[in-house]
N, C-alpha and C. Protein backbone atom coordinates (compact mmCIF):
# COMPACT_ATOMS: atom_id res chain seq x y z
N MET A 1 97.35 70.35 95.44
CA MET A 1 97.30 71.77 95.17
C MET A 1 96.04 72.35 95.78
N SER A 2 96.17 73.49 96.41
CA SER A 2 95.05 74.13 97.08
C SER A 2 94.16 74.84 96.07
N ASP A 3 92.88 74.92 96.42
CA ASP A 3 91.94 75.67 95.61
C ASP A 3 92.16 77.16 95.82
N THR A 4 91.93 77.92 94.77
CA THR A 4 92.04 79.37 94.81
C THR A 4 90.65 79.98 94.88
N ILE A 5 90.49 80.94 95.78
CA ILE A 5 89.21 81.64 95.93
C ILE A 5 89.44 83.13 95.74
N LEU A 6 88.63 83.71 94.88
CA LEU A 6 88.64 85.16 94.66
C LEU A 6 87.57 85.79 95.53
N ILE A 7 87.96 86.79 96.30
CA ILE A 7 87.00 87.57 97.10
C ILE A 7 86.89 88.95 96.46
N ILE A 8 85.67 89.32 96.07
CA ILE A 8 85.41 90.66 95.55
C ILE A 8 84.65 91.39 96.64
N GLU A 9 85.35 92.27 97.33
CA GLU A 9 84.82 92.92 98.54
C GLU A 9 85.51 94.27 98.72
N ASP A 10 84.73 95.33 98.95
CA ASP A 10 85.31 96.66 99.12
C ASP A 10 85.54 97.03 100.58
N ASN A 11 85.02 96.27 101.51
CA ASN A 11 85.20 96.57 102.93
C ASN A 11 86.43 95.83 103.44
N PRO A 12 87.47 96.58 103.88
CA PRO A 12 88.72 95.93 104.30
C PRO A 12 88.55 94.97 105.48
N GLN A 13 87.65 95.28 106.41
CA GLN A 13 87.46 94.38 107.56
C GLN A 13 86.82 93.06 107.12
N ASN A 14 85.84 93.14 106.23
CA ASN A 14 85.23 91.91 105.72
C ASN A 14 86.23 91.09 104.91
N MET A 15 87.03 91.79 104.09
CA MET A 15 88.05 91.11 103.29
C MET A 15 89.03 90.40 104.22
N TYR A 16 89.48 91.08 105.25
CA TYR A 16 90.44 90.50 106.18
C TYR A 16 89.88 89.24 106.83
N MET A 17 88.65 89.33 107.32
CA MET A 17 88.04 88.19 108.02
C MET A 17 87.89 86.98 107.09
N MET A 18 87.36 87.20 105.90
CA MET A 18 87.17 86.07 104.98
C MET A 18 88.51 85.49 104.55
N ARG A 19 89.47 86.37 104.24
CA ARG A 19 90.81 85.89 103.85
C ARG A 19 91.43 85.05 104.97
N PHE A 20 91.36 85.56 106.19
CA PHE A 20 91.94 84.87 107.34
C PHE A 20 91.32 83.47 107.48
N LEU A 21 90.00 83.39 107.45
CA LEU A 21 89.33 82.10 107.65
C LEU A 21 89.68 81.11 106.52
N LEU A 22 89.71 81.60 105.30
CA LEU A 22 89.98 80.71 104.16
C LEU A 22 91.45 80.27 104.14
N GLU A 23 92.37 81.20 104.35
CA GLU A 23 93.79 80.83 104.34
C GLU A 23 94.11 79.89 105.51
N LYS A 24 93.47 80.09 106.64
CA LYS A 24 93.66 79.21 107.79
C LYS A 24 93.25 77.78 107.46
N ASN A 25 92.35 77.64 106.50
CA ASN A 25 91.88 76.32 106.10
C ASN A 25 92.50 75.83 104.79
N GLY A 26 93.62 76.45 104.40
CA GLY A 26 94.40 75.93 103.29
C GLY A 26 94.08 76.46 101.91
N PHE A 27 93.19 77.42 101.80
CA PHE A 27 92.87 77.98 100.49
C PHE A 27 93.87 79.07 100.13
N ILE A 28 94.07 79.23 98.83
CA ILE A 28 94.82 80.38 98.31
C ILE A 28 93.77 81.45 98.01
N VAL A 29 93.99 82.64 98.54
CA VAL A 29 93.00 83.71 98.40
C VAL A 29 93.58 84.86 97.60
N ILE A 30 92.81 85.32 96.62
CA ILE A 30 93.14 86.54 95.89
C ILE A 30 91.97 87.49 96.08
N GLY A 31 92.23 88.77 95.99
CA GLY A 31 91.18 89.73 96.28
C GLY A 31 91.05 90.79 95.22
N ALA A 32 89.88 91.41 95.20
CA ALA A 32 89.61 92.56 94.35
C ALA A 32 88.69 93.48 95.13
N GLU A 33 88.91 94.79 94.97
CA GLU A 33 88.17 95.77 95.77
C GLU A 33 86.93 96.33 95.08
N ASN A 34 86.74 96.01 93.79
CA ASN A 34 85.54 96.45 93.09
C ASN A 34 85.19 95.44 92.00
N GLY A 35 84.03 95.61 91.43
CA GLY A 35 83.54 94.63 90.47
C GLY A 35 84.36 94.53 89.20
N ARG A 36 84.73 95.67 88.65
CA ARG A 36 85.51 95.64 87.40
C ARG A 36 86.85 94.94 87.62
N GLN A 37 87.51 95.27 88.73
CA GLN A 37 88.78 94.61 89.04
C GLN A 37 88.53 93.11 89.27
N GLY A 38 87.42 92.78 89.92
CA GLY A 38 87.11 91.37 90.18
C GLY A 38 86.93 90.56 88.91
N ILE A 39 86.28 91.15 87.93
CA ILE A 39 86.10 90.45 86.65
C ILE A 39 87.45 90.22 86.00
N ASP A 40 88.29 91.24 85.99
CA ASP A 40 89.63 91.10 85.39
C ASP A 40 90.45 90.03 86.11
N VAL A 41 90.41 90.04 87.44
CA VAL A 41 91.18 89.05 88.21
C VAL A 41 90.62 87.64 87.96
N ALA A 42 89.31 87.51 87.90
CA ALA A 42 88.70 86.20 87.64
C ALA A 42 89.13 85.66 86.29
N LEU A 43 89.15 86.50 85.28
CA LEU A 43 89.56 86.05 83.94
C LEU A 43 91.04 85.70 83.90
N GLN A 44 91.84 86.41 84.66
CA GLN A 44 93.28 86.15 84.67
C GLN A 44 93.64 84.88 85.45
N TYR A 45 93.03 84.68 86.62
CA TYR A 45 93.46 83.59 87.50
C TYR A 45 92.53 82.38 87.51
N ARG A 46 91.31 82.53 86.97
CA ARG A 46 90.32 81.45 86.94
C ARG A 46 90.24 80.70 88.28
N PRO A 47 89.75 81.39 89.29
CA PRO A 47 89.67 80.78 90.63
C PRO A 47 88.68 79.62 90.68
N HIS A 48 88.76 78.85 91.74
CA HIS A 48 87.86 77.71 91.93
C HIS A 48 86.52 78.14 92.52
N ALA A 49 86.47 79.31 93.13
CA ALA A 49 85.22 79.90 93.64
C ALA A 49 85.39 81.40 93.72
N ILE A 50 84.26 82.11 93.61
CA ILE A 50 84.27 83.57 93.68
C ILE A 50 83.28 83.99 94.75
N LEU A 51 83.77 84.74 95.74
CA LEU A 51 82.90 85.30 96.77
C LEU A 51 82.64 86.74 96.38
N LEU A 52 81.38 87.11 96.31
CA LEU A 52 81.00 88.39 95.73
C LEU A 52 80.12 89.20 96.66
N ASP A 53 80.60 90.37 97.04
CA ASP A 53 79.76 91.33 97.76
C ASP A 53 78.77 91.91 96.75
N ILE A 54 77.63 92.34 97.21
CA ILE A 54 76.63 92.91 96.29
C ILE A 54 76.74 94.42 96.22
N GLN A 55 76.97 95.05 97.35
CA GLN A 55 77.04 96.50 97.38
C GLN A 55 78.48 96.94 97.14
N LEU A 56 78.82 97.12 95.88
CA LEU A 56 80.17 97.48 95.48
C LEU A 56 80.15 98.83 94.77
N PRO A 57 81.26 99.57 94.81
CA PRO A 57 81.31 100.82 94.06
C PRO A 57 81.39 100.56 92.56
N GLU A 58 80.93 101.50 91.79
CA GLU A 58 81.01 101.49 90.33
C GLU A 58 80.07 100.47 89.68
N MET A 59 80.14 99.24 90.07
CA MET A 59 79.40 98.16 89.41
C MET A 59 78.91 97.24 90.53
N ASP A 60 77.59 97.11 90.73
CA ASP A 60 77.11 96.30 91.86
C ASP A 60 77.27 94.79 91.59
N GLY A 61 77.05 94.03 92.62
CA GLY A 61 77.26 92.59 92.52
C GLY A 61 76.36 91.89 91.51
N HIS A 62 75.16 92.41 91.32
CA HIS A 62 74.27 91.81 90.32
C HIS A 62 74.91 91.91 88.92
N ALA A 63 75.42 93.10 88.60
CA ALA A 63 76.05 93.31 87.30
C ALA A 63 77.33 92.48 87.18
N VAL A 64 78.07 92.37 88.28
CA VAL A 64 79.31 91.58 88.26
C VAL A 64 78.98 90.10 88.04
N ALA A 65 77.98 89.59 88.74
CA ALA A 65 77.60 88.18 88.58
C ALA A 65 77.17 87.91 87.14
N ALA A 66 76.38 88.79 86.58
CA ALA A 66 75.94 88.60 85.19
C ALA A 66 77.13 88.65 84.23
N ALA A 67 78.06 89.57 84.46
CA ALA A 67 79.24 89.67 83.60
C ALA A 67 80.12 88.43 83.72
N LEU A 68 80.28 87.92 84.92
CA LEU A 68 81.09 86.71 85.11
C LEU A 68 80.44 85.51 84.43
N LYS A 69 79.12 85.41 84.52
CA LYS A 69 78.42 84.28 83.91
C LYS A 69 78.48 84.33 82.38
N ALA A 70 78.69 85.52 81.83
CA ALA A 70 78.79 85.65 80.37
C ALA A 70 80.08 85.04 79.82
N HIS A 71 81.02 84.76 80.70
CA HIS A 71 82.29 84.15 80.28
C HIS A 71 82.20 82.64 80.53
N ALA A 72 81.93 81.90 79.50
CA ALA A 72 81.74 80.45 79.63
C ALA A 72 82.97 79.75 80.17
N GLU A 73 84.15 80.34 79.96
CA GLU A 73 85.38 79.69 80.43
C GLU A 73 85.51 79.76 81.96
N LEU A 74 84.72 80.62 82.60
CA LEU A 74 84.73 80.68 84.06
C LEU A 74 83.64 79.75 84.59
N ASP A 75 84.04 78.65 85.19
CA ASP A 75 83.05 77.70 85.70
C ASP A 75 83.02 77.65 87.22
N ALA A 76 83.64 78.63 87.86
CA ALA A 76 83.67 78.69 89.32
C ALA A 76 82.30 79.10 89.86
N PRO A 77 81.89 78.50 90.97
CA PRO A 77 80.67 78.98 91.59
C PRO A 77 80.84 80.41 92.11
N ILE A 78 79.80 81.20 91.95
CA ILE A 78 79.78 82.58 92.46
C ILE A 78 78.89 82.58 93.69
N ILE A 79 79.48 82.92 94.81
CA ILE A 79 78.74 82.89 96.07
C ILE A 79 78.60 84.32 96.59
N ALA A 80 77.38 84.80 96.61
CA ALA A 80 77.12 86.15 97.12
C ALA A 80 77.30 86.14 98.63
N VAL A 81 78.09 87.07 99.12
CA VAL A 81 78.27 87.25 100.57
C VAL A 81 77.83 88.68 100.85
N THR A 82 76.65 88.81 101.42
CA THR A 82 76.02 90.12 101.42
C THR A 82 75.18 90.40 102.66
N SER A 83 75.04 91.68 102.93
CA SER A 83 74.14 92.10 104.00
C SER A 83 72.74 92.36 103.44
N TYR A 84 72.55 92.21 102.14
CA TYR A 84 71.23 92.33 101.54
C TYR A 84 70.44 91.09 101.93
N ALA A 85 69.56 91.25 102.87
CA ALA A 85 68.80 90.08 103.36
C ALA A 85 67.32 90.38 103.44
N MET A 86 66.84 91.24 102.57
CA MET A 86 65.41 91.53 102.52
C MET A 86 64.73 90.47 101.63
N VAL A 87 63.42 90.42 101.75
CA VAL A 87 62.66 89.48 100.91
C VAL A 87 62.98 89.77 99.44
N GLY A 88 63.35 88.74 98.73
CA GLY A 88 63.64 88.86 97.31
C GLY A 88 65.09 89.10 96.97
N ASP A 89 65.92 89.51 97.93
CA ASP A 89 67.33 89.77 97.63
C ASP A 89 68.05 88.50 97.18
N ARG A 90 67.80 87.41 97.87
CA ARG A 90 68.45 86.14 97.51
C ARG A 90 68.08 85.73 96.09
N GLU A 91 66.80 85.83 95.78
CA GLU A 91 66.33 85.43 94.46
C GLU A 91 66.92 86.31 93.36
N ARG A 92 67.07 87.62 93.64
CA ARG A 92 67.62 88.53 92.63
C ARG A 92 69.08 88.21 92.33
N ILE A 93 69.88 87.91 93.34
CA ILE A 93 71.28 87.63 93.06
C ILE A 93 71.45 86.25 92.42
N LEU A 94 70.61 85.31 92.80
CA LEU A 94 70.68 84.00 92.14
C LEU A 94 70.27 84.12 90.68
N ALA A 95 69.27 84.94 90.40
CA ALA A 95 68.83 85.15 89.02
C ALA A 95 69.92 85.85 88.20
N ALA A 96 70.74 86.67 88.86
CA ALA A 96 71.82 87.37 88.16
C ALA A 96 72.98 86.44 87.84
N GLY A 97 73.03 85.26 88.46
CA GLY A 97 74.09 84.32 88.14
C GLY A 97 74.83 83.72 89.31
N ALA A 98 74.51 84.14 90.53
CA ALA A 98 75.19 83.56 91.69
C ALA A 98 74.72 82.12 91.90
N THR A 99 75.63 81.32 92.41
CA THR A 99 75.34 79.92 92.72
C THR A 99 74.80 79.78 94.13
N GLY A 100 75.29 80.63 95.02
CA GLY A 100 74.93 80.53 96.41
C GLY A 100 74.82 81.90 97.06
N TYR A 101 74.44 81.89 98.33
CA TYR A 101 74.14 83.13 99.04
C TYR A 101 74.46 82.92 100.51
N ILE A 102 75.29 83.79 101.06
CA ILE A 102 75.61 83.76 102.47
C ILE A 102 75.38 85.17 103.02
N GLU A 103 74.66 85.24 104.12
CA GLU A 103 74.36 86.54 104.71
C GLU A 103 75.49 87.02 105.61
N LYS A 104 75.71 88.34 105.58
CA LYS A 104 76.62 88.99 106.52
C LYS A 104 75.81 89.43 107.72
N PRO A 105 76.36 89.49 108.89
CA PRO A 105 77.75 89.14 109.15
C PRO A 105 77.94 87.62 109.05
N ILE A 106 79.09 87.23 108.52
CA ILE A 106 79.35 85.80 108.36
C ILE A 106 79.55 85.17 109.74
N ASP A 107 79.27 83.89 109.80
CA ASP A 107 79.51 83.12 111.03
C ASP A 107 80.86 82.43 110.86
N PRO A 108 81.88 82.84 111.61
CA PRO A 108 83.20 82.23 111.44
C PRO A 108 83.21 80.72 111.68
N GLU A 109 82.24 80.24 112.45
CA GLU A 109 82.19 78.81 112.76
C GLU A 109 81.69 77.98 111.56
N THR A 110 80.91 78.58 110.68
CA THR A 110 80.31 77.81 109.58
C THR A 110 80.73 78.31 108.19
N PHE A 111 81.39 79.46 108.12
CA PHE A 111 81.67 80.10 106.84
C PHE A 111 82.43 79.19 105.87
N VAL A 112 83.54 78.63 106.29
CA VAL A 112 84.36 77.82 105.38
C VAL A 112 83.58 76.57 104.94
N ALA A 113 82.85 75.96 105.85
CA ALA A 113 82.06 74.77 105.49
C ALA A 113 81.00 75.11 104.44
N GLU A 114 80.41 76.30 104.56
CA GLU A 114 79.42 76.72 103.56
C GLU A 114 80.08 76.89 102.19
N ILE A 115 81.26 77.49 102.16
CA ILE A 115 81.98 77.68 100.90
C ILE A 115 82.31 76.32 100.28
N VAL A 116 82.83 75.42 101.09
CA VAL A 116 83.19 74.09 100.61
C VAL A 116 81.95 73.37 100.06
N GLN A 117 80.83 73.53 100.73
CA GLN A 117 79.59 72.90 100.26
C GLN A 117 79.18 73.44 98.88
N TYR A 118 79.25 74.74 98.70
CA TYR A 118 78.90 75.31 97.39
C TYR A 118 79.88 74.84 96.31
N MET A 119 81.16 74.75 96.65
CA MET A 119 82.15 74.29 95.68
C MET A 119 81.89 72.83 95.31
N SER A 120 81.54 72.00 96.29
CA SER A 120 81.24 70.58 96.03
C SER A 120 80.00 70.44 95.15
N MET A 121 78.98 71.25 95.43
CA MET A 121 77.76 71.20 94.62
C MET A 121 78.08 71.59 93.17
N ALA A 122 78.89 72.61 92.99
CA ALA A 122 79.24 73.05 91.63
C ALA A 122 80.04 71.98 90.91
N ARG A 123 80.98 71.35 91.60
CA ARG A 123 81.78 70.29 90.97
C ARG A 123 80.91 69.09 90.61
N GLY A 124 79.96 68.76 91.47
CA GLY A 124 79.05 67.66 91.17
C GLY A 124 78.21 67.94 89.95
N ALA A 125 77.73 69.16 89.83
CA ALA A 125 76.93 69.55 88.66
C ALA A 125 77.78 69.51 87.39
N GLN A 126 79.05 69.93 87.50
CA GLN A 126 79.94 69.91 86.34
C GLN A 126 80.23 68.47 85.90
N GLU A 127 80.38 67.56 86.86
CA GLU A 127 80.63 66.15 86.53
C GLU A 127 79.44 65.53 85.80
N LYS A 128 78.25 65.91 86.21
CA LYS A 128 77.04 65.37 85.55
C LYS A 128 76.94 65.83 84.11
N GLN A 129 77.45 67.03 83.81
CA GLN A 129 77.37 67.57 82.46
C GLN A 129 78.36 66.89 81.52
N LYS A 130 79.39 66.25 82.08
CA LYS A 130 80.41 65.60 81.22
C LYS A 130 79.92 64.28 80.68
């Protein structure tokens, strides 16, 4: 069975590119266009990983990451995929609850491998807790 990845992204071009790359590599992809919808979709489908844009309408990625982390039943890694690349941006999103951080524009050659690496790290950490 393939892993399911939720992409929370409001930019259709970014959503298309990430979906294309992930589906080409065998992942099942579900999407949400804003943070509130993303939280609802995450709770409904319990994906294996969540890719999260930071600059979202209504509710930014920091608030979404914190809200997702408040649900203990969601154990998927949250990977920020963002153009926020100033000093301190990475630390702020990790402090909000993200597991990983990938800068936009994404590199199509390495993107899927980076996602797989974050998912493996999260699964390894979960195994140690058992």
